[in-house]
PDB file of N, CA and C in Angstrom:
ATOM      1  N   MET A   1       1.066  -1.281  -0.069  1.00  0.00           N
ATOM      2  CA  MET A   1      -0.079   0.200   0.117  1.00  0.00           C
ATOM      3  C   MET A   1       1.101   1.174  -0.080  1.00  0.00           C
ATOM      4  N   GLY A   2       0.857   2.251  -0.952  1.00  0.00           N
ATOM      5  CA  GLY A   2       1.554   3.317  -1.313  1.00  0.00           C
ATOM      6  C   GLY A   2       1.312   4.345  -0.103  1.00  0.00           C
ATOM      7  N   ASP A   3       2.276   5.081   0.343  1.00  0.00           N
ATOM      8  CA  ASP A   3       1.670   6.442   1.722  1.00  0.00           C
ATOM      9  C   ASP A   3       1.873   7.256   0.835  1.00  0.00           C
ATOM     10  N   MET A   4       0.775   8.185   0.868  1.00  0.00           N
ATOM     11  CA  MET A   4       0.253   9.091   0.296  1.00  0.00           C
ATOM     12  C   MET A   4       0.631  10.333   1.365  1.00  0.00           C
ATOM     13  N   ALA A   5       1.363  11.223   0.916  1.00  0.00           N
ATOM     14  CA  ALA A   5       1.489  12.487   1.590  1.00  0.00           C
ATOM     15  C   ALA A   5       0.351  13.342   1.522  1.00  0.00           C
ATOM     16  N   ASN A   6      -0.102  13.881   2.431  1.00  0.00           N
ATOM     17  CA  ASN A   6      -0.992  15.059   2.938  1.00  0.00           C
ATOM     18  C   ASN A   6      -0.708  15.862   2.214  1.00  0.00           C
ATOM     19  N   PRO A   7      -0.733  16.690   1.437  1.00  0.00           N
ATOM     20  CA  PRO A   7      -0.023  18.006   0.863  1.00  0.00           C
ATOM     21  C   PRO A   7      -0.633  18.949   2.109  1.00  0.00           C
ATOM     22  N   ASN A   8      -1.511  19.397   2.859  1.00  0.00           N
ATOM     23  CA  ASN A   8      -2.076  19.983   3.536  1.00  0.00           C
ATOM     24  C   ASN A   8      -0.636  19.964   4.669  1.00  0.00           C
ATOM     25  N   LEU A   9       0.045  19.428   4.467  1.00  0.00           N
ATOM     26  CA  LEU A   9       1.215  18.714   5.762  1.00  0.00           C
ATOM     27  C   LEU A   9       2.898  19.107   5.126  1.00  0.00           C
ATOM     28  N   SER A  10       2.562  19.363   3.879  1.00  0.00           N
ATOM     29  CA  SER A  10       4.417  19.626   2.975  1.00  0.00           C
ATOM     30  C   SER A  10       4.383  21.097   3.714  1.00  0.00           C
ATOM     31  N   THR A  11       5.828  21.204   3.767  1.00  0.00           N
ATOM     32  CA  THR A  11       6.687  22.333   4.252  1.00  0.00           C
ATOM     33  C   THR A  11       6.027  23.606   3.162  1.00  0.00           C
ATOM     34  N   GLY A  12       6.031  24.436   3.442  1.00  0.00           N
ATOM     35  CA  GLY A  12       5.557  25.495   2.757  1.00  0.00           C
ATOM     36  C   GLY A  12       3.977  25.673   2.749  1.00  0.00           C
ATOM     37  N   SER A  13       3.019  24.552   3.471  1.00  0.00           N
ATOM     38  CA  SER A  13       1.628  24.820   3.122  1.00  0.00           C
ATOM     39  C   SER A  13       1.383  25.899   4.086  1.00  0.00           C
ATOM     40  N   ILE A  14       0.056  26.772   3.710  1.00  0.00           N
ATOM     41  CA  ILE A  14      -0.388  27.820   4.642  1.00  0.00           C
ATOM     42  C   ILE A  14      -1.808  27.054   5.307  1.00  0.00           C
ATOM     43  N   TRP A  15      -1.888  27.212   6.284  1.00  0.00           N
ATOM     44  CA  TRP A  15      -2.898  27.093   7.071  1.00  0.00           C
ATOM     45  C   TRP A  15      -3.749  28.461   7.572  1.00  0.00           C
ATOM     46  N   ARG A  16      -5.089  28.917   7.139  1.00  0.00           N
ATOM     47  CA  ARG A  16      -5.709  29.498   7.306  1.00  0.00           C
ATOM     48  C   ARG A  16      -6.557  29.709   9.043  1.00  0.00           C
ATOM     49  N   LEU A  17      -6.131  30.430   9.804  1.00  0.00           N
ATOM     50  CA  LEU A  17      -7.360  30.456  11.073  1.00  0.00           C
ATOM     51  C   LEU A  17      -8.250  31.669  11.083  1.00  0.00           C
ATOM     52  N   ASN A  18      -9.759  31.163  10.866  1.00  0.00           N
ATOM     53  CA  ASN A  18     -10.605  32.421  10.661  1.00  0.00           C
ATOM     54  C   ASN A  18     -11.953  31.810  12.066  1.00  0.00           C
ATOM     55  N   HIS A  19     -12.096  33.151  11.798  1.00  0.00           N
ATOM     56  CA  HIS A  19     -13.267  33.750  12.965  1.00  0.00           C
ATOM     57  C   HIS A  19     -14.472  34.271  12.519  1.00  0.00           C
ATOM     58  N   GLY A  20     -15.623  33.829  11.912  1.00  0.00           N
ATOM     59  CA  GLY A  20     -16.833  34.101  11.204  1.00  0.00           C
ATOM     60  C   GLY A  20     -15.941  34.270   9.700  1.00  0.00           C
ATOM     61  N   ASP A  21     -15.660  35.882   9.066  1.00  0.00           N
ATOM     62  CA  ASP A  21     -15.351  35.857   7.615  1.00  0.00           C
ATOM     63  C   ASP A  21     -13.956  36.312   7.944  1.00  0.00           C
ATOM     64  N   GLN A  22     -13.244  36.510   9.500  1.00  0.00           N
ATOM     65  CA  GLN A  22     -12.005  37.453   8.942  1.00  0.00           C
ATOM     66  C   GLN A  22     -10.736  36.107   9.836  1.00  0.00           C
ATOM     67  N   GLU A  23      -9.931  36.411   8.677  1.00  0.00           N
ATOM     68  CA  GLU A  23      -8.862  35.460   8.842  1.00  0.00           C
ATOM     69  C   GLU A  23      -7.879  36.258  10.165  1.00  0.00           C
ATOM     70  N   ILE A  24      -8.027  35.391  11.146  1.00  0.00           N
ATOM     71  CA  ILE A  24      -7.276  36.007  12.655  1.00  0.00           C
ATOM     72  C   ILE A  24      -5.384  35.806  12.813  1.00  0.00           C
ATOM     73  N   ALA A  25      -5.451  34.503  12.240  1.00  0.00           N
ATOM     74  CA  ALA A  25      -4.159  34.122  12.234  1.00  0.00           C
ATOM     75  C   ALA A  25      -3.594  33.047  10.942  1.00  0.00           C
ATOM     76  N   ARG A  26      -2.303  32.993  10.805  1.00  0.00           N
ATOM     77  CA  ARG A  26      -1.521  32.293   9.532  1.00  0.00           C
ATOM     78  C   ARG A  26      -0.553  31.241   9.926  1.00  0.00           C
ATOM     79  N   LEU A  27      -0.956  30.300   9.937  1.00  0.00           N
ATOM     80  CA  LEU A  27       0.118  28.955   9.875  1.00  0.00           C
ATOM     81  C   LEU A  27       1.119  28.323   8.873  1.00  0.00           C
ATOM     82  N   THR A  28       2.091  28.723   8.934  1.00  0.00           N
ATOM     83  CA  THR A  28       3.117  28.546   7.493  1.00  0.00           C
ATOM     84  C   THR A  28       3.816  27.040   8.461  1.00  0.00           C
ATOM     85  N   VAL A  29       3.475  25.740   7.605  1.00  0.00           N
ATOM     86  CA  VAL A  29       4.148  24.534   7.950  1.00  0.00           C
ATOM     87  C   VAL A  29       5.966  24.564   7.626  1.00  0.00           C
ATOM     88  N   ILE A  30       6.803  24.616   8.481  1.00  0.00           N
ATOM     89  CA  ILE A  30       8.041  24.453   8.381  1.00  0.00           C
ATOM     90  C   ILE A  30       8.403  23.196   8.787  1.00  0.00           C
ATOM     91  N   GLY A  31       7.498  22.087   9.253  1.00  0.00           N
ATOM     92  CA  GLY A  31       8.128  20.602   9.176  1.00  0.00           C
ATOM     93  C   GLY A  31       7.449  19.758   9.723  1.00  0.00           C
ATOM     94  N   THR A  32       7.611  18.231   9.943  1.00  0.00           N
ATOM     95  CA  THR A  32       6.561  17.383   9.722  1.00  0.00           C
ATOM     96  C   THR A  32       7.501  16.541  10.677  1.00  0.00           C
ATOM     97  N   ASP A  33       6.907  15.833  11.701  1.00  0.00           N
ATOM     98  CA  ASP A  33       7.398  14.871  12.424  1.00  0.00           C
ATOM     99  C   ASP A  33       6.143  13.852  13.066  1.00  0.00           C
ATOM    100  N   MET A  34       5.742  13.161  12.496  1.00  0.00           N
ATOM    101  CA  MET A  34       4.477  12.505  12.450  1.00  0.00           C
ATOM    102  C   MET A  34       4.385  11.932  13.931  1.00  0.00           C
ATOM    103  N   PRO A  35       3.397  12.283  14.858  1.00  0.00           N
ATOM    104  CA  PRO A  35       2.044  12.924  13.850  1.00  0.00           C
ATOM    105  C   PRO A  35       2.345  14.309  14.522  1.00  0.00           C
ATOM    106  N   TRP A  36       3.336  14.889  14.636  1.00  0.00           N
ATOM    107  CA  TRP A  36       3.174  16.048  14.528  1.00  0.00           C
ATOM    108  C   TRP A  36       3.596  17.327  13.436  1.00  0.00           C
ATOM    109  N   THR A  37       3.210  18.566  13.560  1.00  0.00           N
ATOM    110  CA  THR A  37       3.119  19.423  12.465  1.00  0.00           C
ATOM    111  C   THR A  37       3.910  20.739  13.462  1.00  0.00           C
ATOM    112  N   HIS A  38       4.937  20.971  12.423  1.00  0.00           N
ATOM    113  CA  HIS A  38       5.671  22.331  13.462  1.00  0.00           C
ATOM    114  C   HIS A  38       5.359  23.258  11.955  1.00  0.00           C
ATOM    115  N   ALA A  39       5.039  24.488  12.710  1.00  0.00           N
ATOM    116  CA  ALA A  39       4.567  25.387  12.128  1.00  0.00           C
ATOM    117  C   ALA A  39       4.694  27.160  12.852  1.00  0.00           C
ATOM    118  N   GLU A  40       5.155  27.785  11.392  1.00  0.00           N
ATOM    119  CA  GLU A  40       5.269  29.491  12.541  1.00  0.00           C
ATOM    120  C   GLU A  40       3.784  30.027  12.049  1.00  0.00           C
ATOM    121  N   VAL A  41       3.606  30.906  13.585  1.00  0.00           N
ATOM    122  CA  VAL A  41       2.474  31.252  13.594  1.00  0.00           C
ATOM    123  C   VAL A  41       2.891  32.813  13.149  1.00  0.00           C
ATOM    124  N   GLU A  42       1.709  33.358  12.758  1.00  0.00           N
ATOM    125  CA  GLU A  42       1.541  34.939  12.334  1.00  0.00           C
ATOM    126  C   GLU A  42       0.478  35.509  12.552  1.00  0.00           C
ATOM    127  N   THR A  43       0.090  36.019  14.283  1.00  0.00           N
ATOM    128  CA  THR A  43      -0.974  36.634  14.308  1.00  0.00           C
ATOM    129  C   THR A  43      -1.577  37.704  13.580  1.00  0.00           C
ATOM    130  N   LEU A  44      -2.648  37.706  13.401  1.00  0.00           N
ATOM    131  CA  LEU A  44      -3.376  38.651  12.263  1.00  0.00           C
ATOM    132  C   LEU A  44      -4.266  39.950  13.150  1.00  0.00           C
ATOM    133  N   PRO A  45      -4.640  41.227  12.717  1.00  0.00           N
ATOM    134  CA  PRO A  45      -5.510  41.661  13.800  1.00  0.00           C
ATOM    135  C   PRO A  45      -6.887  41.184  13.363  1.00  0.00           C
ATOM    136  N   GLY A  46      -7.606  40.872  14.716  1.00  0.00           N
ATOM    137  CA  GLY A  46      -8.575  40.469  15.201  1.00  0.00           C
ATOM    138  C   GLY A  46      -8.384  39.209  15.835  1.00  0.00           C
TER     139      GLY A  46
END
């Protein structure tokens, strides 16, 4: 069985945290160590 990498866990992927329709934080994946994902967090206004 092949091991397909989750594209959301790739280094450089950006996860956006929203509250309602406002983006309040952005997480940039900097590495993975299954089952953990390491990211830099950029907080945004709101």
